[in-house]
Amino acid sequence: MPAEQTAQQVGVVGAGTMGVGIAYVFAMGGYGVHLVEPDTARRDAALATMREAARGAVARGKVEADAADRAIGSVKGLTSVGDLPHGLSLIVETVPERLALKQQVLSDIASRTPELIASNTSALSIDDLAKSVTDPTAFLGMHFFNPVWSLMLVEIVRGARTSDDSIARARAFAEGIGKKSAVVSDRPGFATSRLDLVQALEAIRMVEDGVASAEDIDRAITTAYRHPVGPLRLSDMVGLDVRLDIATHLATVLGPHFAPPKLLQDMVARGELGQKSGKGFYDWPAPASQA
């Protein structure tokens, strides 16, 4: 790995599904990683998930065992944003898709004076989030995709005041962890969430209307259109609560065609969140260790 990567330190705030994946790819890419998660059990589970993923990479011949052990062993688990060192190269916020929560966390992150701050939001306005940081020119979106360790894109979202230098830095970070990047403007849903959510919501409505089972809808999409995974299985992997949050937000800014179906609302209310809860449109063998 390049020497400059080993010298760079990255913070990741939040050890949910996305935070774990983002911390993992930066650690395996040779960056020093500080993972913030106040819940001890969730933090421990996140580290265990990363170790398991690293073992899988070793078994597939992607990395040597010693290198994987060093990478994951170097991840520092922290309990609060205030524990992060000052002046990190990058801090990525990965907390749930709720504006007030993200704004508070980003304000706390800004107090640690990193060189660059990124939000992993998949739908919220970068300009709205930028109101909480001290230097909007060094703030942008870095939208990763689940599972982070296997999906290659990082959607980089430029806010109204994001500098060209910050965009270049974000692209360099993406390249440093083996990802490709696409730069998009700060518009509701960006590019990927708008495209993905339209299909996911329509698939949920089809289940709701009795058009076909979840399995058959997914089989139709993967077989006829060569998608690697169907929209309902993918929704389970993303988290049905995440789908609901994004749909609710986009419905307010883009119109009722993004309104969440009642079936989705009911499933979330019952705690059927997909893979992380063990049940969604599919039954999963065991609840995932991260949420």
C-alpha atoms as a PDB file:
ATOM      1  CA  MET A   1       0.000   0.000   0.000  1.00  0.00           C
ATOM      2  CA  PRO A   2       1.269   3.556  -0.662  1.00  0.00           C
ATOM      3  CA  ALA A   3       3.189   5.111   2.214  1.00  0.00           C
ATOM      4  CA  GLU A   4       0.953   8.191   2.175  1.00  0.00           C
ATOM      5  CA  GLN A   5      -2.078   6.015   2.964  1.00  0.00           C
ATOM      6  CA  THR A   6      -0.455   4.501   6.029  1.00  0.00           C
ATOM      7  CA  ALA A   7       0.142   8.027   7.339  1.00  0.00           C
ATOM      8  CA  GLN A   8      -3.477   9.124   6.903  1.00  0.00           C
ATOM      9  CA  GLN A   9      -5.964   8.673   9.720  1.00  0.00           C
ATOM     10  CA  VAL A  10      -9.696   8.392   9.109  1.00  0.00           C
ATOM     11  CA  GLY A  11     -12.616   8.621  11.522  1.00  0.00           C
ATOM     12  CA  VAL A  12     -15.933   6.817  11.026  1.00  0.00           C
ATOM     13  CA  VAL A  13     -18.852   7.859  13.238  1.00  0.00           C
ATOM     14  CA  GLY A  14     -21.498   5.185  13.705  1.00  0.00           C
ATOM     15  CA  ALA A  15     -21.080   1.402  13.720  1.00  0.00           C
ATOM     16  CA  GLY A  16     -24.246   0.395  11.923  1.00  0.00           C
ATOM     17  CA  THR A  17     -24.236  -1.574   8.697  1.00  0.00           C
ATOM     18  CA  MET A  18     -22.676   1.202   6.647  1.00  0.00           C
ATOM     19  CA  GLY A  19     -20.251   2.402   9.303  1.00  0.00           C
ATOM     20  CA  VAL A  20     -18.838  -1.092   9.758  1.00  0.00           C
ATOM     21  CA  GLY A  21     -18.343  -1.519   6.025  1.00  0.00           C
ATOM     22  CA  ILE A  22     -16.748   1.902   5.588  1.00  0.00           C
ATOM     23  CA  ALA A  23     -14.387   1.363   8.517  1.00  0.00           C
ATOM     24  CA  TYR A  24     -13.463  -2.043   7.094  1.00  0.00           C
ATOM     25  CA  VAL A  25     -12.573  -0.851   3.587  1.00  0.00           C
ATOM     26  CA  PHE A  26     -10.474   2.015   4.921  1.00  0.00           C
ATOM     27  CA  ALA A  27      -8.640  -0.305   7.318  1.00  0.00           C
ATOM     28  CA  MET A  28      -8.006  -2.874   4.595  1.00  0.00           C
ATOM     29  CA  GLY A  29      -6.889  -0.040   2.318  1.00  0.00           C
ATOM     30  CA  GLY A  30      -4.090   0.819   4.719  1.00  0.00           C
ATOM     31  CA  TYR A  31      -5.578   3.815   6.498  1.00  0.00           C
ATOM     32  CA  GLY A  32      -5.577   4.214  10.249  1.00  0.00           C
ATOM     33  CA  VAL A  33      -9.211   4.018  11.391  1.00  0.00           C
ATOM     34  CA  HIS A  34     -10.985   5.392  14.472  1.00  0.00           C
ATOM     35  CA  LEU A  35     -14.521   3.982  14.785  1.00  0.00           C
ATOM     36  CA  VAL A  36     -16.943   5.868  17.043  1.00  0.00           C
ATOM     37  CA  GLU A  37     -19.886   3.982  18.535  1.00  0.00           C
ATOM     38  CA  PRO A  38     -21.261   4.772  22.019  1.00  0.00           C
ATOM     39  CA  ASP A  39     -22.968   1.391  22.417  1.00  0.00           C
ATOM     40  CA  THR A  40     -20.351  -1.066  23.682  1.00  0.00           C
ATOM     41  CA  ALA A  41     -22.140  -4.178  22.426  1.00  0.00           C
ATOM     42  CA  ARG A  42     -22.608  -2.707  18.968  1.00  0.00           C
ATOM     43  CA  ARG A  43     -19.002  -1.538  18.858  1.00  0.00           C
ATOM     44  CA  ASP A  44     -17.752  -5.007  19.814  1.00  0.00           C
ATOM     45  CA  ALA A  45     -20.070  -6.575  17.230  1.00  0.00           C
ATOM     46  CA  ALA A  46     -18.730  -4.203  14.580  1.00  0.00           C
ATOM     47  CA  LEU A  47     -15.151  -5.237  15.256  1.00  0.00           C
ATOM     48  CA  ALA A  48     -16.181  -8.899  15.174  1.00  0.00           C
ATOM     49  CA  THR A  49     -17.920  -8.363  11.830  1.00  0.00           C
ATOM     50  CA  MET A  50     -14.783  -6.770  10.404  1.00  0.00           C
ATOM     51  CA  ARG A  51     -12.636  -9.663  11.608  1.00  0.00           C
ATOM     52  CA  GLU A  52     -15.041 -12.132  10.008  1.00  0.00           C
ATOM     53  CA  ALA A  53     -15.009 -10.203   6.724  1.00  0.00           C
ATOM     54  CA  ALA A  54     -11.209 -10.135   6.787  1.00  0.00           C
ATOM     55  CA  ARG A  55     -11.082 -13.897   7.307  1.00  0.00           C
ATOM     56  CA  GLY A  56     -13.316 -14.286   4.269  1.00  0.00           C
ATOM     57  CA  ALA A  57     -10.986 -12.091   2.213  1.00  0.00           C
ATOM     58  CA  VAL A  58      -8.028 -14.224   3.297  1.00  0.00           C
ATOM     59  CA  ALA A  59      -9.870 -17.432   2.396  1.00  0.00           C
ATOM     60  CA  ARG A  60     -10.592 -16.061  -1.094  1.00  0.00           C
ATOM     61  CA  GLY A  61      -6.946 -15.143  -1.584  1.00  0.00           C
ATOM     62  CA  LYS A  62      -7.628 -11.404  -1.658  1.00  0.00           C
ATOM     63  CA  VAL A  63      -5.151 -10.558   1.103  1.00  0.00           C
ATOM     64  CA  GLU A  64      -2.475 -12.235   3.192  1.00  0.00           C
ATOM     65  CA  ALA A  65      -3.508 -13.275   6.695  1.00  0.00           C
ATOM     66  CA  ASP A  66      -0.833 -11.182   8.428  1.00  0.00           C
ATOM     67  CA  ALA A  67      -1.844  -8.056   6.513  1.00  0.00           C
ATOM     68  CA  ALA A  68      -5.520  -8.600   7.315  1.00  0.00           C
ATOM     69  CA  ASP A  69      -4.767  -9.115  11.003  1.00  0.00           C
ATOM     70  CA  ARG A  70      -2.696  -5.925  11.121  1.00  0.00           C
ATOM     71  CA  ALA A  71      -5.364  -3.905   9.332  1.00  0.00           C
ATOM     72  CA  ILE A  72      -8.277  -4.958  11.515  1.00  0.00           C
ATOM     73  CA  GLY A  73      -6.160  -4.997  14.663  1.00  0.00           C
ATOM     74  CA  SER A  74      -5.276  -1.352  14.116  1.00  0.00           C
ATOM     75  CA  VAL A  75      -8.919  -0.156  14.167  1.00  0.00           C
ATOM     76  CA  LYS A  76      -9.478   1.876  17.324  1.00  0.00           C
ATOM     77  CA  GLY A  77     -12.953   1.706  18.846  1.00  0.00           C
ATOM     78  CA  LEU A  78     -14.075   4.926  20.556  1.00  0.00           C
ATOM     79  CA  THR A  79     -17.164   5.816  22.563  1.00  0.00           C
ATOM     80  CA  SER A  80     -17.752   9.418  21.455  1.00  0.00           C
ATOM     81  CA  VAL A  81     -16.869  11.945  18.777  1.00  0.00           C
ATOM     82  CA  GLY A  82     -15.009  13.860  21.466  1.00  0.00           C
ATOM     83  CA  ASP A  83     -12.532  10.970  21.677  1.00  0.00           C
ATOM     84  CA  LEU A  84     -11.451  11.458  18.055  1.00  0.00           C
ATOM     85  CA  PRO A  85      -8.010  13.019  17.585  1.00  0.00           C
ATOM     86  CA  HIS A  86      -7.912  16.535  16.182  1.00  0.00           C
ATOM     87  CA  GLY A  87      -6.839  17.024  12.583  1.00  0.00           C
ATOM     88  CA  LEU A  88      -7.729  13.654  11.045  1.00  0.00           C
ATOM     89  CA  SER A  89      -7.466  13.460   7.266  1.00  0.00           C
ATOM     90  CA  LEU A  90     -11.151  12.554   6.908  1.00  0.00           C
ATOM     91  CA  ILE A  91     -14.143  11.872   9.142  1.00  0.00           C
ATOM     92  CA  VAL A  92     -17.165  10.091   7.660  1.00  0.00           C
ATOM     93  CA  GLU A  93     -20.542  10.427   9.388  1.00  0.00           C
ATOM     94  CA  THR A  94     -22.762   7.336   9.043  1.00  0.00           C
ATOM     95  CA  VAL A  95     -25.618   7.840  11.535  1.00  0.00           C
ATOM     96  CA  PRO A  96     -29.297   7.224  10.563  1.00  0.00           C
ATOM     97  CA  GLU A  97     -31.005   9.331   7.885  1.00  0.00           C
ATOM     98  CA  ARG A  98     -32.548  11.942  10.160  1.00  0.00           C
ATOM     99  CA  LEU A  99     -31.636  15.560   9.523  1.00  0.00           C
ATOM    100  CA  ALA A 100     -31.517  16.822  13.117  1.00  0.00           C
ATOM    101  CA  LEU A 101     -29.438  13.854  14.260  1.00  0.00           C
ATOM    102  CA  LYS A 102     -26.954  14.213  11.425  1.00  0.00           C
ATOM    103  CA  GLN A 103     -26.661  17.964  11.986  1.00  0.00           C
ATOM    104  CA  GLN A 104     -25.820  17.466  15.663  1.00  0.00           C
ATOM    105  CA  VAL A 105     -23.250  14.776  14.909  1.00  0.00           C
ATOM    106  CA  LEU A 106     -21.674  16.859  12.144  1.00  0.00           C
ATOM    107  CA  SER A 107     -21.394  19.835  14.486  1.00  0.00           C
ATOM    108  CA  ASP A 108     -19.565  17.606  16.964  1.00  0.00           C
ATOM    109  CA  ILE A 109     -17.317  16.280  14.203  1.00  0.00           C
ATOM    110  CA  ALA A 110     -16.436  19.799  13.058  1.00  0.00           C
ATOM    111  CA  SER A 111     -15.117  20.555  16.549  1.00  0.00           C
ATOM    112  CA  ARG A 112     -12.410  17.920  15.948  1.00  0.00           C
ATOM    113  CA  THR A 113     -11.078  20.022  13.021  1.00  0.00           C
ATOM    114  CA  PRO A 114     -10.564  17.293  10.408  1.00  0.00           C
ATOM    115  CA  GLU A 115      -9.194  18.205   6.995  1.00  0.00           C
ATOM    116  CA  LEU A 116     -12.329  16.865   5.282  1.00  0.00           C
ATOM    117  CA  ILE A 117     -15.804  15.904   6.539  1.00  0.00           C
ATOM    118  CA  ALA A 118     -18.115  13.610   4.593  1.00  0.00           C
ATOM    119  CA  SER A 119     -21.661  12.450   5.209  1.00  0.00           C
ATOM    120  CA  ASN A 120     -22.712   9.019   4.013  1.00  0.00           C
ATOM    121  CA  THR A 121     -26.263  10.285   3.497  1.00  0.00           C
ATOM    122  CA  SER A 122     -28.124   8.678   0.630  1.00  0.00           C
ATOM    123  CA  ALA A 123     -30.809  11.341   0.295  1.00  0.00           C
ATOM    124  CA  LEU A 124     -30.507  14.361   2.614  1.00  0.00           C
ATOM    125  CA  SER A 125     -29.379  17.721   1.248  1.00  0.00           C
ATOM    126  CA  ILE A 126     -25.653  18.341   1.591  1.00  0.00           C
ATOM    127  CA  ASP A 127     -26.337  22.077   1.789  1.00  0.00           C
ATOM    128  CA  ASP A 128     -28.754  21.560   4.686  1.00  0.00           C
ATOM    129  CA  LEU A 129     -26.195  19.400   6.468  1.00  0.00           C
ATOM    130  CA  ALA A 130     -23.411  21.889   5.717  1.00  0.00           C
ATOM    131  CA  LYS A 131     -25.093  24.454   7.970  1.00  0.00           C
ATOM    132  CA  SER A 132     -23.758  22.459  10.930  1.00  0.00           C
ATOM    133  CA  VAL A 133     -20.067  22.519   9.990  1.00  0.00           C
ATOM    134  CA  THR A 134     -17.632  25.388  10.379  1.00  0.00           C
ATOM    135  CA  ASP A 135     -16.096  25.096   6.896  1.00  0.00           C
ATOM    136  CA  PRO A 136     -18.625  24.133   4.197  1.00  0.00           C
ATOM    137  CA  THR A 137     -15.883  24.171   1.561  1.00  0.00           C
ATOM    138  CA  ALA A 138     -14.397  21.064   3.210  1.00  0.00           C
ATOM    139  CA  PHE A 139     -17.713  19.208   3.467  1.00  0.00           C
ATOM    140  CA  LEU A 140     -19.412  16.898   0.970  1.00  0.00           C
ATOM    141  CA  GLY A 141     -21.297  13.657   0.597  1.00  0.00           C
ATOM    142  CA  MET A 142     -19.569  10.293   0.220  1.00  0.00           C
ATOM    143  CA  HIS A 143     -22.395   7.837  -0.387  1.00  0.00           C
ATOM    144  CA  PHE A 144     -21.231   4.227  -0.110  1.00  0.00           C
ATOM    145  CA  PHE A 145     -23.303   1.172  -1.016  1.00  0.00           C
ATOM    146  CA  ASN A 146     -24.142  -1.976   0.917  1.00  0.00           C
ATOM    147  CA  PRO A 147     -22.262  -4.283   1.166  1.00  0.00           C
ATOM    148  CA  VAL A 148     -19.456  -1.732   1.190  1.00  0.00           C
ATOM    149  CA  TRP A 149     -16.692  -4.312   0.845  1.00  0.00           C
ATOM    150  CA  SER A 150     -17.993  -5.602  -2.492  1.00  0.00           C
ATOM    151  CA  LEU A 151     -19.808  -2.719  -4.224  1.00  0.00           C
ATOM    152  CA  MET A 152     -17.368  -0.529  -6.092  1.00  0.00           C
ATOM    153  CA  LEU A 153     -19.033   2.890  -6.301  1.00  0.00           C
ATOM    154  CA  VAL A 154     -18.751   5.925  -4.057  1.00  0.00           C
ATOM    155  CA  GLU A 155     -21.207   8.656  -5.035  1.00  0.00           C
ATOM    156  CA  ILE A 156     -19.538  11.970  -4.202  1.00  0.00           C
ATOM    157  CA  VAL A 157     -22.036  14.772  -3.654  1.00  0.00           C
ATOM    158  CA  ARG A 158     -20.942  18.360  -4.225  1.00  0.00           C
ATOM    159  CA  GLY A 159     -22.619  21.011  -2.114  1.00  0.00           C
ATOM    160  CA  ALA A 160     -22.980  24.629  -3.201  1.00  0.00           C
ATOM    161  CA  ARG A 161     -19.804  25.606  -1.320  1.00  0.00           C
ATOM    162  CA  THR A 162     -17.790  22.393  -1.622  1.00  0.00           C
ATOM    163  CA  SER A 163     -14.365  23.257  -3.043  1.00  0.00           C
ATOM    164  CA  ASP A 164     -12.752  21.590  -6.040  1.00  0.00           C
ATOM    165  CA  ASP A 165      -9.901  20.563  -3.746  1.00  0.00           C
ATOM    166  CA  SER A 166     -12.327  18.746  -1.444  1.00  0.00           C
ATOM    167  CA  ILE A 167     -13.832  16.896  -4.406  1.00  0.00           C
ATOM    168  CA  ALA A 168     -10.342  15.885  -5.542  1.00  0.00           C
ATOM    169  CA  ARG A 169      -9.499  14.670  -2.031  1.00  0.00           C
ATOM    170  CA  ALA A 170     -12.674  12.626  -1.812  1.00  0.00           C
ATOM    171  CA  ARG A 171     -11.974  11.017  -5.175  1.00  0.00           C
ATOM    172  CA  ALA A 172      -8.445  10.206  -4.017  1.00  0.00           C
ATOM    173  CA  PHE A 173      -9.808   8.540  -0.877  1.00  0.00           C
ATOM    174  CA  ALA A 174     -12.210   6.482  -2.997  1.00  0.00           C
ATOM    175  CA  GLU A 175      -9.376   5.421  -5.281  1.00  0.00           C
ATOM    176  CA  GLY A 176      -7.223   4.607  -2.249  1.00  0.00           C
ATOM    177  CA  ILE A 177      -9.744   1.998  -1.088  1.00  0.00           C
ATOM    178  CA  GLY A 178     -10.180   0.540  -4.556  1.00  0.00           C
ATOM    179  CA  LYS A 179     -13.471   2.257  -5.396  1.00  0.00           C
ATOM    180  CA  LYS A 180     -14.690   4.161  -8.423  1.00  0.00           C
ATOM    181  CA  SER A 181     -16.375   7.509  -7.884  1.00  0.00           C
ATOM    182  CA  ALA A 182     -19.112   9.523  -9.557  1.00  0.00           C
ATOM    183  CA  VAL A 183     -19.565  13.205  -8.714  1.00  0.00           C
ATOM    184  CA  VAL A 184     -23.163  14.433  -8.563  1.00  0.00           C
ATOM    185  CA  SER A 185     -24.907  17.660  -7.634  1.00  0.00           C
ATOM    186  CA  ASP A 186     -26.830  18.192  -4.413  1.00  0.00           C
ATOM    187  CA  ARG A 187     -30.297  17.363  -5.684  1.00  0.00           C
ATOM    188  CA  PRO A 188     -32.917  15.315  -3.788  1.00  0.00           C
ATOM    189  CA  GLY A 189     -31.948  11.657  -3.832  1.00  0.00           C
ATOM    190  CA  PHE A 190     -28.815  12.441  -5.860  1.00  0.00           C
ATOM    191  CA  ALA A 191     -28.552   9.959  -8.761  1.00  0.00           C
ATOM    192  CA  THR A 192     -28.441   6.500  -7.252  1.00  0.00           C
ATOM    193  CA  SER A 193     -31.075   6.767  -4.520  1.00  0.00           C
ATOM    194  CA  ARG A 194     -33.681   8.158  -6.893  1.00  0.00           C
ATOM    195  CA  LEU A 195     -33.137   5.374  -9.398  1.00  0.00           C
ATOM    196  CA  ASP A 196     -32.896   2.606  -6.799  1.00  0.00           C
ATOM    197  CA  LEU A 197     -35.828   3.723  -4.670  1.00  0.00           C
ATOM    198  CA  VAL A 198     -38.254   4.005  -7.581  1.00  0.00           C
ATOM    199  CA  GLN A 199     -37.751   0.327  -8.364  1.00  0.00           C
ATOM    200  CA  ALA A 200     -37.774  -0.764  -4.720  1.00  0.00           C
ATOM    201  CA  LEU A 201     -41.016   1.051  -3.897  1.00  0.00           C
ATOM    202  CA  GLU A 202     -42.746  -0.270  -7.009  1.00  0.00           C
ATOM    203  CA  ALA A 203     -41.657  -3.811  -6.129  1.00  0.00           C
ATOM    204  CA  ILE A 204     -43.086  -3.371  -2.616  1.00  0.00           C
ATOM    205  CA  ARG A 205     -46.369  -2.090  -4.076  1.00  0.00           C
ATOM    206  CA  MET A 206     -46.474  -5.170  -6.319  1.00  0.00           C
ATOM    207  CA  VAL A 207     -46.219  -7.432  -3.262  1.00  0.00           C
ATOM    208  CA  GLU A 208     -48.872  -5.303  -1.549  1.00  0.00           C
ATOM    209  CA  ASP A 209     -51.182  -5.612  -4.578  1.00  0.00           C
ATOM    210  CA  GLY A 210     -50.692  -9.370  -4.851  1.00  0.00           C
ATOM    211  CA  VAL A 211     -48.992  -9.217  -8.258  1.00  0.00           C
ATOM    212  CA  ALA A 212     -46.427 -11.837  -7.255  1.00  0.00           C
ATOM    213  CA  SER A 213     -44.389 -13.052  -4.319  1.00  0.00           C
ATOM    214  CA  ALA A 214     -41.209 -11.266  -3.292  1.00  0.00           C
ATOM    215  CA  GLU A 215     -39.180 -14.216  -4.563  1.00  0.00           C
ATOM    216  CA  ASP A 216     -40.853 -14.186  -7.985  1.00  0.00           C
ATOM    217  CA  ILE A 217     -40.569 -10.418  -8.384  1.00  0.00           C
ATOM    218  CA  ASP A 218     -36.866 -10.601  -7.608  1.00  0.00           C
ATOM    219  CA  ARG A 219     -36.438 -13.601  -9.917  1.00  0.00           C
ATOM    220  CA  ALA A 220     -38.105 -11.667 -12.735  1.00  0.00           C
ATOM    221  CA  ILE A 221     -35.752  -8.711 -12.310  1.00  0.00           C
ATOM    222  CA  THR A 222     -32.555 -10.726 -11.949  1.00  0.00           C
ATOM    223  CA  THR A 223     -33.365 -13.063 -14.833  1.00  0.00           C
ATOM    224  CA  ALA A 224     -34.983 -10.701 -17.333  1.00  0.00           C
ATOM    225  CA  TYR A 225     -32.834  -7.635 -16.700  1.00  0.00           C
ATOM    226  CA  ARG A 226     -29.647  -9.244 -15.376  1.00  0.00           C
ATOM    227  CA  HIS A 227     -29.637  -7.320 -12.122  1.00  0.00           C
ATOM    228  CA  PRO A 228     -27.292  -9.060  -9.669  1.00  0.00           C
ATOM    229  CA  VAL A 229     -29.887  -8.892  -6.882  1.00  0.00           C
ATOM    230  CA  GLY A 230     -33.605  -8.176  -6.873  1.00  0.00           C
ATOM    231  CA  PRO A 231     -35.103  -4.988  -5.378  1.00  0.00           C
ATOM    232  CA  LEU A 232     -36.797  -6.748  -2.455  1.00  0.00           C
ATOM    233  CA  ARG A 233     -33.783  -8.777  -1.375  1.00  0.00           C
ATOM    234  CA  LEU A 234     -31.687  -5.622  -1.749  1.00  0.00           C
ATOM    235  CA  SER A 235     -34.198  -3.708   0.378  1.00  0.00           C
ATOM    236  CA  ASP A 236     -33.795  -6.323   3.100  1.00  0.00           C
ATOM    237  CA  MET A 237     -30.020  -5.889   2.893  1.00  0.00           C
ATOM    238  CA  VAL A 238     -30.225  -2.085   3.004  1.00  0.00           C
ATOM    239  CA  GLY A 239     -32.733  -2.150   5.870  1.00  0.00           C
ATOM    240  CA  LEU A 240     -36.457  -1.533   5.511  1.00  0.00           C
ATOM    241  CA  ASP A 241     -36.259   1.228   8.109  1.00  0.00           C
ATOM    242  CA  VAL A 242     -33.661   2.950   5.934  1.00  0.00           C
ATOM    243  CA  ARG A 243     -35.900   2.556   2.893  1.00  0.00           C
ATOM    244  CA  LEU A 244     -38.772   4.089   4.868  1.00  0.00           C
ATOM    245  CA  ASP A 245     -36.698   7.058   6.059  1.00  0.00           C
ATOM    246  CA  ILE A 246     -35.473   7.841   2.542  1.00  0.00           C
ATOM    247  CA  ALA A 247     -38.894   7.403   0.937  1.00  0.00           C
ATOM    248  CA  THR A 248     -40.534   9.632   3.542  1.00  0.00           C
ATOM    249  CA  HIS A 249     -37.959  12.350   2.930  1.00  0.00           C
ATOM    250  CA  LEU A 250     -38.071  12.171  -0.865  1.00  0.00           C
ATOM    251  CA  ALA A 251     -41.871  12.201  -0.879  1.00  0.00           C
ATOM    252  CA  THR A 252     -41.779  15.607   0.803  1.00  0.00           C
ATOM    253  CA  VAL A 253     -39.396  17.105  -1.765  1.00  0.00           C
ATOM    254  CA  LEU A 254     -40.097  15.180  -4.984  1.00  0.00           C
ATOM    255  CA  GLY A 255     -43.758  14.273  -4.713  1.00  0.00           C
ATOM    256  CA  PRO A 256     -46.156  11.464  -3.844  1.00  0.00           C
ATOM    257  CA  HIS A 257     -44.678   8.894  -6.245  1.00  0.00           C
ATOM    258  CA  PHE A 258     -42.002   8.417  -3.553  1.00  0.00           C
ATOM    259  CA  ALA A 259     -44.571   7.971  -0.760  1.00  0.00           C
ATOM    260  CA  PRO A 260     -43.798   4.787   1.198  1.00  0.00           C
ATOM    261  CA  PRO A 261     -46.319   1.962   0.660  1.00  0.00           C
ATOM    262  CA  LYS A 262     -48.408   0.969   3.673  1.00  0.00           C
ATOM    263  CA  LEU A 263     -46.832  -2.494   3.576  1.00  0.00           C
ATOM    264  CA  LEU A 264     -43.400  -0.970   4.127  1.00  0.00           C
ATOM    265  CA  GLN A 265     -44.670   1.161   7.004  1.00  0.00           C
ATOM    266  CA  ASP A 266     -46.370  -1.825   8.623  1.00  0.00           C
ATOM    267  CA  MET A 267     -43.308  -4.063   8.328  1.00  0.00           C
ATOM    268  CA  VAL A 268     -41.077  -1.461   9.959  1.00  0.00           C
ATOM    269  CA  ALA A 269     -43.641  -0.930  12.727  1.00  0.00           C
ATOM    270  CA  ARG A 270     -43.542  -4.685  13.410  1.00  0.00           C
ATOM    271  CA  GLY A 271     -39.760  -4.624  13.620  1.00  0.00           C
ATOM    272  CA  GLU A 272     -39.340  -6.520  10.352  1.00  0.00           C
ATOM    273  CA  LEU A 273     -36.344  -4.553   9.124  1.00  0.00           C
ATOM    274  CA  GLY A 274     -34.751  -7.091   6.814  1.00  0.00           C
ATOM    275  CA  GLN A 275     -31.422  -8.829   7.220  1.00  0.00           C
ATOM    276  CA  LYS A 276     -30.419  -7.032  10.401  1.00  0.00           C
ATOM    277  CA  SER A 277     -33.573  -8.137  12.255  1.00  0.00           C
ATOM    278  CA  GLY A 278     -33.697 -11.618  10.748  1.00  0.00           C
ATOM    279  CA  LYS A 279     -36.967 -11.018   8.889  1.00  0.00           C
ATOM    280  CA  GLY A 280     -38.146  -8.790   6.081  1.00  0.00           C
ATOM    281  CA  PHE A 281     -39.364  -9.827   2.664  1.00  0.00           C
ATOM    282  CA  TYR A 282     -37.160 -12.851   3.265  1.00  0.00           C
ATOM    283  CA  ASP A 283     -36.342 -14.886   6.350  1.00  0.00           C
ATOM    284  CA  TRP A 284     -32.655 -14.515   7.159  1.00  0.00           C
ATOM    285  CA  PRO A 285     -30.764 -17.265   8.994  1.00  0.00           C
ATOM    286  CA  ALA A 286     -29.853 -15.095  11.964  1.00  0.00           C
ATOM    287  CA  PRO A 287     -29.984 -11.402  12.827  1.00  0.00           C
ATOM    288  CA  ALA A 288     -26.907  -9.609  11.566  1.00  0.00           C
ATOM    289  CA  SER A 289     -24.467  -8.531  14.227  1.00  0.00           C
ATOM    290  CA  GLN A 290     -24.776  -4.895  13.203  1.00  0.00           C
ATOM    291  CA  ALA A 291     -27.790  -2.659  12.688  1.00  0.00           C
END
